Protein backbone atom coordinates (compact mmCIF):
# COMPACT_ATOMS: atom_id res chain seq x y z
CA MET A 1 -54.89 55.27 218.68
CA ARG A 2 -57.84 56.20 216.56
CA LEU A 3 -58.33 55.49 212.86
CA ILE A 4 -60.72 57.44 210.65
CA SER A 5 -61.24 56.64 206.97
CA ILE A 6 -62.83 58.65 204.20
CA SER A 7 -63.23 57.37 200.66
CA ASN A 8 -61.63 59.25 197.77
CA ASN A 9 -61.75 58.81 193.99
CA LEU A 10 -58.01 58.77 193.44
CA GLY A 11 -57.61 55.00 193.06
CA PHE A 12 -55.00 54.71 195.82
CA ASP A 13 -54.87 54.98 199.59
CA ARG A 14 -53.24 57.78 201.58
CA ILE A 15 -52.49 58.20 205.27
CA ILE A 16 -51.83 61.09 207.60
CA VAL A 17 -50.50 60.43 211.08
CA ILE A 18 -51.24 63.00 213.76
CA PRO A 19 -49.67 62.72 217.20
CA ALA A 20 -52.06 64.22 219.75
CA LYS A 21 -51.24 67.36 221.67
CA HIS A 22 -48.49 66.91 224.27
CA PHE A 23 -47.27 63.67 222.68
CA GLY A 24 -43.75 64.33 223.84
CA ARG A 25 -40.55 65.55 222.30
CA ALA A 26 -40.21 66.07 218.55
CA VAL A 27 -38.05 62.96 218.38
CA ASP A 28 -40.85 60.85 219.89
CA ARG A 29 -43.51 62.34 217.59
CA ASN A 30 -41.42 61.78 214.48
CA ARG A 31 -40.50 58.22 215.48
CA ALA A 32 -44.17 57.33 216.02
CA ARG A 33 -45.09 58.96 212.71
CA ARG A 34 -42.37 57.04 210.81
CA ARG A 35 -43.37 53.74 212.41
CA ALA A 36 -47.06 54.21 211.55
CA LYS A 37 -46.26 55.11 207.94
CA GLU A 38 -44.02 52.04 207.60
CA ILE A 39 -46.77 49.78 208.90
CA PHE A 40 -49.20 51.37 206.43
CA ARG A 41 -46.71 50.77 203.59
CA CYS A 42 -46.15 47.13 204.57
CA TYR A 43 -49.85 46.30 204.93
CA GLU A 44 -51.10 48.19 201.89
CA GLY A 45 -52.30 44.94 200.29
CA ARG A 46 -54.60 44.35 203.24
CA ILE A 47 -56.02 47.86 202.91
CA SER A 48 -56.62 47.87 199.16
CA PRO A 49 -60.01 46.77 197.86
CA ASP A 50 -60.49 43.25 196.51
CA ASN A 51 -61.17 44.56 193.02
CA PRO A 52 -58.00 46.29 191.73
CA MET A 53 -59.88 47.80 188.77
CA GLU A 54 -62.07 49.82 191.11
CA ASP A 55 -61.38 53.58 191.20
CA GLU A 56 -61.97 53.83 194.92
CA GLY A 57 -59.29 54.66 197.42
CA GLU A 58 -59.35 55.76 201.01
CA ASP A 59 -57.80 58.52 203.04
CA PHE A 60 -56.83 57.36 206.53
CA VAL A 61 -56.29 59.63 209.51
CA LEU A 62 -54.42 57.98 212.38
CA VAL A 63 -54.38 59.89 215.66
CA LEU A 64 -51.76 58.73 218.16
CA TYR A 65 -52.13 59.46 221.86
CA PRO A 66 -49.19 59.76 224.30
CA GLY A 67 -48.41 56.77 226.46
CA LYS A 68 -50.67 54.44 224.48
CA VAL A 69 -48.04 53.24 222.00
CA SER A 70 -44.73 52.07 223.38
CA SER A 71 -43.32 49.56 220.90
CA PHE A 72 -43.46 48.85 217.20
CA SER A 73 -45.22 45.52 217.68
CA LEU A 74 -48.01 47.09 219.78
CA LEU A 75 -48.49 49.84 217.20
CA GLU A 76 -48.55 47.25 214.42
CA SER A 77 -51.10 44.97 216.11
CA GLY A 78 -53.33 47.91 217.02
CA PHE A 79 -53.18 49.32 213.51
CA ILE A 80 -53.99 45.96 211.91
CA SER A 81 -56.94 45.36 214.21
CA MET A 82 -58.29 48.84 213.42
CA LEU A 83 -57.93 48.18 209.69
CA ASP A 84 -59.81 44.90 210.03
CA ARG A 85 -62.61 46.61 211.97
CA ASN A 86 -62.72 49.36 209.36
CA ARG A 87 -62.97 46.84 206.49
CA ARG A 88 -65.95 45.09 208.16
CA LYS A 89 -68.01 48.30 208.20
């Protein structure tokens, strides 16, 4: 997994999930994409800035690699740790 963030001036956060080349079958790619988007939706409060009046938002790009993510809990813990590292920058 790799997380890239770019600030935007929209006032809200967006995410795009990209399974890497040769991730597997379409079913596997779509399942991983749905799981990542659900984690993003559930942890949106952790992502948002501390000041809600601020007009800043972020665009996140999450690249998933085959064989690296096997369960929802591993994807969730990896995503949260990447968000925390991203917030410290």
